[in-house]
Amino acid sequence: MCVGIKSEEPLTDRNQLVFEKPSDSQFGTAKQKRRNNEERKEKAKDAARNRRTEESDYFEELEKLLPVTGPPPSSQQTTLDKTSVIRLSVAHLKTQDVLQNGIPTPMVKEEIFPEIDLFSCLDGFSLILSNNGDVIYVSDNVSRYIGLTQVELLGQDFSDYVHPCDHNQLKVLTPGKSVGSDDEVVEIFVRVKCTVTERGRMINLKQASYKPLKISGKARRMKENEVGGVTGTVFLGSARCVVEREVMVDNQIGVF
């Protein structure tokens, strides 16, 4: 016996299902949301673009204040990158701190001297190292002796350019000294990377050979400063190229 249920409403086939169309108000709301999202994206892009432009302007202005000649000749860039600008700025501030607090003002007469390149009278280049071995200052004529430029060396760890076997010698330049102690005369012989060949051809740093240098000067303890600045022992001196017979073999490991 079959029992059926009678329904007054006809059943709708699945293929004949009718969907309600969204109203005009719903279309308008979705379009408004999409427009608002696009406007927010454009505002974010404009803000980021303005921030980058303002940052670039600051770095360009800071680069003009630096006492450097620009990127090294080996670089293909026409301007310094932002990392180099920051590195050189910190090195310049440290140099000013050493000049003001680490070197006493000499009592000299004010006389008129002709324009003389003092470094041309020096058989080498001037060098100032921090307690951590960073290059606080190096004279511009350094490229004449080892090929590396002032821009490449300022703010860098000097040990990165010294032969690994001579790293212990660098510690002699900045010995531990107490505040108020007298200067200590120091002198070492180390091998430093040289990017210029005997024929005067420039090569990259990976192909660089090592050239023996004699580094001599004074180790000086900086005064304590409440507002920060350079602390610890700094090395003030010069470096010059030497021949093999000048090297003190007794104090060195390896052969130049």
C-alpha atoms as a PDB file:
ATOM      1  CA  MET A   1       0.000   0.000   0.000  1.00  0.00           C
ATOM      2  CA  CYS A   2       1.401   3.294  -1.041  1.00  0.00           C
ATOM      3  CA  VAL A   3       0.873   6.433   0.931  1.00  0.00           C
ATOM      4  CA  GLY A   4       1.525   9.809  -0.650  1.00  0.00           C
ATOM      5  CA  ILE A   5       1.541  13.345   0.554  1.00  0.00           C
ATOM      6  CA  LYS A   6      -0.209  15.925  -1.441  1.00  0.00           C
ATOM      7  CA  SER A   7       1.474  19.312  -1.663  1.00  0.00           C
ATOM      8  CA  GLU A   8      -0.209  22.398  -2.898  1.00  0.00           C
ATOM      9  CA  GLU A   9       3.067  24.053  -4.055  1.00  0.00           C
ATOM     10  CA  PRO A  10       4.853  22.419  -7.019  1.00  0.00           C
ATOM     11  CA  LEU A  11       8.411  21.260  -6.449  1.00  0.00           C
ATOM     12  CA  THR A  12      11.045  23.331  -8.243  1.00  0.00           C
ATOM     13  CA  ASP A  13      13.642  21.614 -10.332  1.00  0.00           C
ATOM     14  CA  ARG A  14      17.302  22.264  -9.387  1.00  0.00           C
ATOM     15  CA  ASN A  15      18.025  23.644 -12.820  1.00  0.00           C
ATOM     16  CA  GLN A  16      15.147  26.039 -12.454  1.00  0.00           C
ATOM     17  CA  LEU A  17      16.222  27.624  -9.185  1.00  0.00           C
ATOM     18  CA  VAL A  18      15.778  31.371  -9.256  1.00  0.00           C
ATOM     19  CA  PHE A  19      18.357  33.626  -7.510  1.00  0.00           C
ATOM     20  CA  GLU A  20      17.464  37.038  -6.318  1.00  0.00           C
ATOM     21  CA  LYS A  21      19.303  39.836  -8.064  1.00  0.00           C
ATOM     22  CA  PRO A  22      21.150  42.283  -5.784  1.00  0.00           C
ATOM     23  CA  SER A  23      19.476  45.607  -5.501  1.00  0.00           C
ATOM     24  CA  ASP A  24      20.960  48.876  -6.755  1.00  0.00           C
ATOM     25  CA  SER A  25      21.807  49.910  -3.197  1.00  0.00           C
ATOM     26  CA  GLN A  26      23.937  46.801  -2.707  1.00  0.00           C
ATOM     27  CA  PHE A  27      25.756  47.497  -5.972  1.00  0.00           C
ATOM     28  CA  GLY A  28      26.438  51.055  -4.839  1.00  0.00           C
ATOM     29  CA  THR A  29      27.800  49.944  -1.456  1.00  0.00           C
ATOM     30  CA  ALA A  30      30.248  47.457  -3.029  1.00  0.00           C
ATOM     31  CA  LYS A  31      31.438  50.038  -5.541  1.00  0.00           C
ATOM     32  CA  GLN A  32      31.955  52.600  -2.762  1.00  0.00           C
ATOM     33  CA  LYS A  33      34.010  50.136  -0.726  1.00  0.00           C
ATOM     34  CA  ARG A  34      36.155  49.343  -3.751  1.00  0.00           C
ATOM     35  CA  ARG A  35      36.688  53.047  -4.408  1.00  0.00           C
ATOM     36  CA  ASN A  36      37.654  53.669  -0.776  1.00  0.00           C
ATOM     37  CA  ASN A  37      40.209  50.843  -0.858  1.00  0.00           C
ATOM     38  CA  GLU A  38      41.774  52.222  -4.033  1.00  0.00           C
ATOM     39  CA  GLU A  39      41.954  55.701  -2.503  1.00  0.00           C
ATOM     40  CA  ARG A  40      43.663  54.344   0.615  1.00  0.00           C
ATOM     41  CA  LYS A  41      46.191  52.480  -1.515  1.00  0.00           C
ATOM     42  CA  GLU A  42      46.952  55.606  -3.532  1.00  0.00           C
ATOM     43  CA  LYS A  43      47.382  57.667  -0.376  1.00  0.00           C
ATOM     44  CA  ALA A  44      49.760  55.045   1.060  1.00  0.00           C
ATOM     45  CA  LYS A  45      51.790  55.010  -2.168  1.00  0.00           C
ATOM     46  CA  ASP A  46      51.979  58.814  -2.205  1.00  0.00           C
ATOM     47  CA  ALA A  47      53.059  58.913   1.447  1.00  0.00           C
ATOM     48  CA  ALA A  48      55.775  56.304   0.851  1.00  0.00           C
ATOM     49  CA  ARG A  49      56.944  58.142  -2.278  1.00  0.00           C
ATOM     50  CA  ASN A  50      57.138  61.464  -0.409  1.00  0.00           C
ATOM     51  CA  ARG A  51      58.982  59.814   2.469  1.00  0.00           C
ATOM     52  CA  ARG A  52      61.584  58.312   0.122  1.00  0.00           C
ATOM     53  CA  THR A  53      62.028  61.640  -1.668  1.00  0.00           C
ATOM     54  CA  GLU A  54      62.478  63.506   1.609  1.00  0.00           C
ATOM     55  CA  GLU A  55      64.936  60.872   2.845  1.00  0.00           C
ATOM     56  CA  SER A  56      66.961  61.087  -0.371  1.00  0.00           C
ATOM     57  CA  ASP A  57      67.105  64.876  -0.031  1.00  0.00           C
ATOM     58  CA  TYR A  58      68.426  64.555   3.519  1.00  0.00           C
ATOM     59  CA  PHE A  59      71.136  62.118   2.440  1.00  0.00           C
ATOM     60  CA  GLU A  60      72.148  64.324  -0.501  1.00  0.00           C
ATOM     61  CA  GLU A  61      72.468  67.301   1.831  1.00  0.00           C
ATOM     62  CA  LEU A  62      74.461  65.230   4.320  1.00  0.00           C
ATOM     63  CA  GLU A  63      76.775  63.980   1.572  1.00  0.00           C
ATOM     64  CA  LYS A  64      77.573  67.563   0.551  1.00  0.00           C
ATOM     65  CA  LEU A  65      78.694  68.293   4.123  1.00  0.00           C
ATOM     66  CA  LEU A  66      81.162  65.402   4.200  1.00  0.00           C
ATOM     67  CA  PRO A  67      84.845  66.244   3.609  1.00  0.00           C
ATOM     68  CA  VAL A  68      85.248  63.488   1.015  1.00  0.00           C
ATOM     69  CA  THR A  69      85.604  63.490  -2.744  1.00  0.00           C
ATOM     70  CA  GLY A  70      82.827  60.989  -3.524  1.00  0.00           C
ATOM     71  CA  PRO A  71      82.728  57.289  -4.400  1.00  0.00           C
ATOM     72  CA  PRO A  72      86.008  55.470  -5.087  1.00  0.00           C
ATOM     73  CA  PRO A  73      87.112  55.197  -8.737  1.00  0.00           C
ATOM     74  CA  SER A  74      86.464  51.450  -8.677  1.00  0.00           C
ATOM     75  CA  SER A  75      82.776  52.101  -8.019  1.00  0.00           C
ATOM     76  CA  GLN A  76      80.377  52.584 -10.911  1.00  0.00           C
ATOM     77  CA  GLN A  77      78.140  54.856  -8.839  1.00  0.00           C
ATOM     78  CA  THR A  78      78.208  58.625  -9.203  1.00  0.00           C
ATOM     79  CA  THR A  79      77.046  59.250  -5.637  1.00  0.00           C
ATOM     80  CA  LEU A  80      77.588  57.548  -2.310  1.00  0.00           C
ATOM     81  CA  ASP A  81      75.023  55.028  -1.157  1.00  0.00           C
ATOM     82  CA  LYS A  82      73.133  55.673   2.076  1.00  0.00           C
ATOM     83  CA  THR A  83      75.143  53.149   4.093  1.00  0.00           C
ATOM     84  CA  SER A  84      78.405  54.813   3.081  1.00  0.00           C
ATOM     85  CA  VAL A  85      77.039  58.264   3.929  1.00  0.00           C
ATOM     86  CA  ILE A  86      76.157  57.097   7.443  1.00  0.00           C
ATOM     87  CA  ARG A  87      79.524  55.346   7.870  1.00  0.00           C
ATOM     88  CA  LEU A  88      81.491  58.407   6.730  1.00  0.00           C
ATOM     89  CA  SER A  89      79.374  60.737   8.862  1.00  0.00           C
ATOM     90  CA  VAL A  90      80.088  58.702  12.002  1.00  0.00           C
ATOM     91  CA  ALA A  91      83.809  58.621  11.163  1.00  0.00           C
ATOM     92  CA  HIS A  92      83.820  62.400  10.651  1.00  0.00           C
ATOM     93  CA  LEU A  93      82.110  62.981  14.019  1.00  0.00           C
ATOM     94  CA  LYS A  94      84.672  60.732  15.727  1.00  0.00           C
ATOM     95  CA  THR A  95      87.495  62.634  14.048  1.00  0.00           C
ATOM     96  CA  GLN A  96      86.141  65.932  15.365  1.00  0.00           C
ATOM     97  CA  ASP A  97      85.871  64.418  18.842  1.00  0.00           C
ATOM     98  CA  VAL A  98      89.491  63.237  18.763  1.00  0.00           C
ATOM     99  CA  LEU A  99      90.677  66.645  17.550  1.00  0.00           C
ATOM    100  CA  GLN A 100      88.788  68.468  20.290  1.00  0.00           C
ATOM    101  CA  ASN A 101      89.281  66.133  23.251  1.00  0.00           C
ATOM    102  CA  GLY A 102      92.265  63.966  22.332  1.00  0.00           C
ATOM    103  CA  ILE A 103      94.776  66.419  20.901  1.00  0.00           C
ATOM    104  CA  PRO A 104      95.815  69.459  22.943  1.00  0.00           C
ATOM    105  CA  THR A 105      95.705  72.769  21.152  1.00  0.00           C
ATOM    106  CA  PRO A 106      99.283  73.770  20.296  1.00  0.00           C
ATOM    107  CA  MET A 107     100.555  77.226  21.141  1.00  0.00           C
ATOM    108  CA  VAL A 108     101.823  78.471  17.795  1.00  0.00           C
ATOM    109  CA  LYS A 109     102.208  81.872  16.239  1.00  0.00           C
ATOM    110  CA  GLU A 110      99.804  82.936  13.570  1.00  0.00           C
ATOM    111  CA  GLU A 111     101.935  83.111  10.474  1.00  0.00           C
ATOM    112  CA  ILE A 112     101.103  83.058   6.798  1.00  0.00           C
ATOM    113  CA  PHE A 113     102.370  79.953   5.064  1.00  0.00           C
ATOM    114  CA  PRO A 114     102.217  79.278   1.353  1.00  0.00           C
ATOM    115  CA  GLU A 115      99.794  76.620   0.187  1.00  0.00           C
ATOM    116  CA  ILE A 116     101.776  73.454   0.823  1.00  0.00           C
ATOM    117  CA  ASP A 117     100.493  69.896   0.707  1.00  0.00           C
ATOM    118  CA  LEU A 118     101.814  68.671   4.039  1.00  0.00           C
ATOM    119  CA  PHE A 119     101.139  65.037   3.207  1.00  0.00           C
ATOM    120  CA  SER A 120     103.416  65.313   0.193  1.00  0.00           C
ATOM    121  CA  CYS A 121     106.238  65.921   2.686  1.00  0.00           C
ATOM    122  CA  LEU A 122     105.310  62.781   4.617  1.00  0.00           C
ATOM    123  CA  ASP A 123     106.684  59.468   3.447  1.00  0.00           C
ATOM    124  CA  GLY A 124     103.421  57.710   4.189  1.00  0.00           C
ATOM    125  CA  PHE A 125      99.872  58.482   5.278  1.00  0.00           C
ATOM    126  CA  SER A 126      98.292  59.601   8.526  1.00  0.00           C
ATOM    127  CA  LEU A 127      96.196  57.100  10.482  1.00  0.00           C
ATOM    128  CA  ILE A 128      93.932  57.231  13.557  1.00  0.00           C
ATOM    129  CA  LEU A 129      92.434  54.015  14.946  1.00  0.00           C
ATOM    130  CA  SER A 130      89.822  53.574  17.655  1.00  0.00           C
ATOM    131  CA  ASN A 131      90.032  51.177  20.562  1.00  0.00           C
ATOM    132  CA  ASN A 132      88.067  48.639  18.495  1.00  0.00           C
ATOM    133  CA  GLY A 133      90.355  48.965  15.490  1.00  0.00           C
ATOM    134  CA  ASP A 134      88.008  51.084  13.375  1.00  0.00           C
ATOM    135  CA  VAL A 135      89.571  53.654  11.068  1.00  0.00           C
ATOM    136  CA  ILE A 136      88.589  57.010  12.555  1.00  0.00           C
ATOM    137  CA  TYR A 137      90.707  58.960  10.100  1.00  0.00           C
ATOM    138  CA  VAL A 138      93.090  58.258   7.248  1.00  0.00           C
ATOM    139  CA  SER A 139      94.640  60.900   5.028  1.00  0.00           C
ATOM    140  CA  ASP A 140      93.604  61.262   1.415  1.00  0.00           C
ATOM    141  CA  ASN A 141      97.035  60.242   0.111  1.00  0.00           C
ATOM    142  CA  VAL A 142      96.560  56.653   1.324  1.00  0.00           C
ATOM    143  CA  SER A 143      95.663  55.578  -2.225  1.00  0.00           C
ATOM    144  CA  ARG A 144      99.183  56.515  -3.321  1.00  0.00           C
ATOM    145  CA  TYR A 145     100.624  53.711  -1.188  1.00  0.00           C
ATOM    146  CA  ILE A 146      98.069  50.888  -1.047  1.00  0.00           C
ATOM    147  CA  GLY A 147      95.558  51.795  -3.753  1.00  0.00           C
ATOM    148  CA  LEU A 148      92.608  51.873  -1.345  1.00  0.00           C
ATOM    149  CA  THR A 149      90.934  55.255  -1.068  1.00  0.00           C
ATOM    150  CA  GLN A 150      89.973  57.319   1.937  1.00  0.00           C
ATOM    151  CA  VAL A 151      86.267  56.698   1.285  1.00  0.00           C
ATOM    152  CA  GLU A 152      86.790  52.929   1.279  1.00  0.00           C
ATOM    153  CA  LEU A 153      88.698  52.877   4.591  1.00  0.00           C
ATOM    154  CA  LEU A 154      86.957  55.445   6.805  1.00  0.00           C
ATOM    155  CA  GLY A 155      84.757  53.790   9.406  1.00  0.00           C
ATOM    156  CA  GLN A 156      85.878  50.284   8.435  1.00  0.00           C
ATOM    157  CA  ASP A 157      87.612  47.719  10.617  1.00  0.00           C
ATOM    158  CA  PHE A 158      91.298  48.036   9.774  1.00  0.00           C
ATOM    159  CA  SER A 159      91.858  44.338  10.464  1.00  0.00           C
ATOM    160  CA  ASP A 160      89.741  43.504   7.393  1.00  0.00           C
ATOM    161  CA  TYR A 161      92.630  44.769   5.257  1.00  0.00           C
ATOM    162  CA  VAL A 162      95.469  43.286   7.326  1.00  0.00           C
ATOM    163  CA  HIS A 163      96.936  39.820   6.846  1.00  0.00           C
ATOM    164  CA  PRO A 164      95.310  37.336   9.286  1.00  0.00           C
ATOM    165  CA  CYS A 165      98.691  36.401  10.741  1.00  0.00           C
ATOM    166  CA  ASP A 166      99.259  40.045  11.737  1.00  0.00           C
ATOM    167  CA  HIS A 167      95.989  40.683  13.563  1.00  0.00           C
ATOM    168  CA  ASN A 168      97.656  40.248  16.948  1.00  0.00           C
ATOM    169  CA  GLN A 169     100.073  43.023  16.067  1.00  0.00           C
ATOM    170  CA  LEU A 170      97.182  45.479  15.757  1.00  0.00           C
ATOM    171  CA  LYS A 171      96.409  45.057  19.454  1.00  0.00           C
ATOM    172  CA  VAL A 172      99.779  46.636  20.233  1.00  0.00           C
ATOM    173  CA  LEU A 173      98.543  49.938  18.772  1.00  0.00           C
ATOM    174  CA  THR A 174      95.741  50.348  21.337  1.00  0.00           C
ATOM    175  CA  PRO A 175      96.908  48.863  24.665  1.00  0.00           C
ATOM    176  CA  GLY A 176      94.781  49.114  27.775  1.00  0.00           C
ATOM    177  CA  LYS A 177      95.633  52.388  29.517  1.00  0.00           C
ATOM    178  CA  SER A 178      94.188  54.136  32.548  1.00  0.00           C
ATOM    179  CA  VAL A 179      92.711  57.613  32.398  1.00  0.00           C
ATOM    180  CA  GLY A 180      95.377  60.296  32.746  1.00  0.00           C
ATOM    181  CA  SER A 181      98.288  58.011  31.899  1.00  0.00           C
ATOM    182  CA  ASP A 182     101.075  59.192  29.622  1.00  0.00           C
ATOM    183  CA  ASP A 183     101.162  58.438  25.932  1.00  0.00           C
ATOM    184  CA  GLU A 184     102.893  55.253  24.873  1.00  0.00           C
ATOM    185  CA  VAL A 185     105.052  55.065  21.765  1.00  0.00           C
ATOM    186  CA  VAL A 186     104.098  52.043  19.670  1.00  0.00           C
ATOM    187  CA  GLU A 187     105.423  50.590  16.438  1.00  0.00           C
ATOM    188  CA  ILE A 188     104.486  47.495  14.449  1.00  0.00           C
ATOM    189  CA  PHE A 189     105.044  45.911  11.043  1.00  0.00           C
ATOM    190  CA  VAL A 190     101.993  44.464   9.309  1.00  0.00           C
ATOM    191  CA  ARG A 191     100.969  43.345   5.846  1.00  0.00           C
ATOM    192  CA  VAL A 192      98.102  45.346   4.350  1.00  0.00           C
ATOM    193  CA  LYS A 193      96.109  44.688   1.204  1.00  0.00           C
ATOM    194  CA  CYS A 194      97.260  46.678  -1.802  1.00  0.00           C
ATOM    195  CA  THR A 195      95.077  47.144  -4.888  1.00  0.00           C
ATOM    196  CA  VAL A 196      97.742  48.702  -7.088  1.00  0.00           C
ATOM    197  CA  THR A 197     100.356  46.590  -8.852  1.00  0.00           C
ATOM    198  CA  GLU A 198     104.026  47.418  -9.301  1.00  0.00           C
ATOM    199  CA  ARG A 199     103.198  48.638 -12.806  1.00  0.00           C
ATOM    200  CA  GLY A 200     100.540  50.977 -11.449  1.00  0.00           C
ATOM    201  CA  ARG A 201      97.530  48.969 -12.625  1.00  0.00           C
ATOM    202  CA  MET A 202      94.484  48.973 -10.324  1.00  0.00           C
ATOM    203  CA  ILE A 203      92.944  45.636  -9.347  1.00  0.00           C
ATOM    204  CA  ASN A 204      89.933  44.713  -7.218  1.00  0.00           C
ATOM    205  CA  LEU A 205      90.139  43.864  -3.549  1.00  0.00           C
ATOM    206  CA  LYS A 206      89.767  40.111  -4.086  1.00  0.00           C
ATOM    207  CA  GLN A 207      92.878  40.072  -6.285  1.00  0.00           C
ATOM    208  CA  ALA A 208      94.852  42.370  -3.992  1.00  0.00           C
ATOM    209  CA  SER A 209      98.266  41.341  -2.741  1.00  0.00           C
ATOM    210  CA  TYR A 210      99.817  42.298   0.608  1.00  0.00           C
ATOM    211  CA  LYS A 211     102.308  45.097   1.106  1.00  0.00           C
ATOM    212  CA  PRO A 212     104.395  45.492   4.289  1.00  0.00           C
ATOM    213  CA  LEU A 213     103.769  48.700   6.232  1.00  0.00           C
ATOM    214  CA  LYS A 214     105.460  50.209   9.225  1.00  0.00           C
ATOM    215  CA  ILE A 215     102.863  51.789  11.526  1.00  0.00           C
ATOM    216  CA  SER A 216     104.229  53.967  14.283  1.00  0.00           C
ATOM    217  CA  GLY A 217     102.853  56.636  16.577  1.00  0.00           C
ATOM    218  CA  LYS A 218     101.364  57.094  20.022  1.00  0.00           C
ATOM    219  CA  ALA A 219      98.676  55.288  21.988  1.00  0.00           C
ATOM    220  CA  ARG A 220      96.615  57.866  23.861  1.00  0.00           C
ATOM    221  CA  ARG A 221      93.837  57.403  26.372  1.00  0.00           C
ATOM    222  CA  MET A 222      90.817  59.572  25.588  1.00  0.00           C
ATOM    223  CA  LYS A 223      89.239  61.633  28.339  1.00  0.00           C
ATOM    224  CA  GLU A 224      85.962  60.405  29.765  1.00  0.00           C
ATOM    225  CA  ASN A 225      83.027  62.371  28.423  1.00  0.00           C
ATOM    226  CA  GLU A 226      79.536  62.373  29.920  1.00  0.00           C
ATOM    227  CA  VAL A 227      77.845  63.080  26.583  1.00  0.00           C
ATOM    228  CA  GLY A 228      79.492  60.160  24.787  1.00  0.00           C
ATOM    229  CA  GLY A 229      82.045  60.225  22.013  1.00  0.00           C
ATOM    230  CA  VAL A 230      85.246  58.299  21.444  1.00  0.00           C
ATOM    231  CA  THR A 231      86.370  56.384  24.528  1.00  0.00           C
ATOM    232  CA  GLY A 232      89.257  54.123  25.448  1.00  0.00           C
ATOM    233  CA  THR A 233      92.699  54.156  23.861  1.00  0.00           C
ATOM    234  CA  VAL A 234      93.181  55.504  20.355  1.00  0.00           C
ATOM    235  CA  PHE A 235      96.184  55.280  18.063  1.00  0.00           C
ATOM    236  CA  LEU A 236      97.552  58.463  16.511  1.00  0.00           C
ATOM    237  CA  GLY A 237     100.328  58.026  13.993  1.00  0.00           C
ATOM    238  CA  SER A 238     101.342  57.282  10.448  1.00  0.00           C
ATOM    239  CA  ALA A 239     102.058  54.355   8.175  1.00  0.00           C
ATOM    240  CA  ARG A 240     104.655  54.012   5.450  1.00  0.00           C
ATOM    241  CA  CYS A 241     105.820  51.317   3.100  1.00  0.00           C
ATOM    242  CA  VAL A 242     108.969  49.416   4.026  1.00  0.00           C
ATOM    243  CA  VAL A 243     111.366  47.062   2.326  1.00  0.00           C
ATOM    244  CA  GLU A 244     112.009  43.559   3.555  1.00  0.00           C
ATOM    245  CA  ARG A 245     115.207  44.315   5.411  1.00  0.00           C
ATOM    246  CA  GLU A 246     113.448  46.875   7.643  1.00  0.00           C
ATOM    247  CA  VAL A 247     111.032  44.335   9.070  1.00  0.00           C
ATOM    248  CA  MET A 248     111.807  43.076  12.550  1.00  0.00           C
ATOM    249  CA  VAL A 249     111.574  39.367  11.927  1.00  0.00           C
ATOM    250  CA  ASP A 250     111.871  38.554  15.626  1.00  0.00           C
ATOM    251  CA  ASN A 251     108.501  40.149  16.348  1.00  0.00           C
ATOM    252  CA  GLN A 252     106.719  38.844  13.249  1.00  0.00           C
ATOM    253  CA  ILE A 253     105.167  35.593  12.140  1.00  0.00           C
ATOM    254  CA  GLY A 254     105.680  34.815   8.488  1.00  0.00           C
ATOM    255  CA  VAL A 255     107.824  36.303   5.775  1.00  0.00           C
ATOM    256  CA  PHE A 256     107.067  39.445   3.796  1.00  0.00           C
END
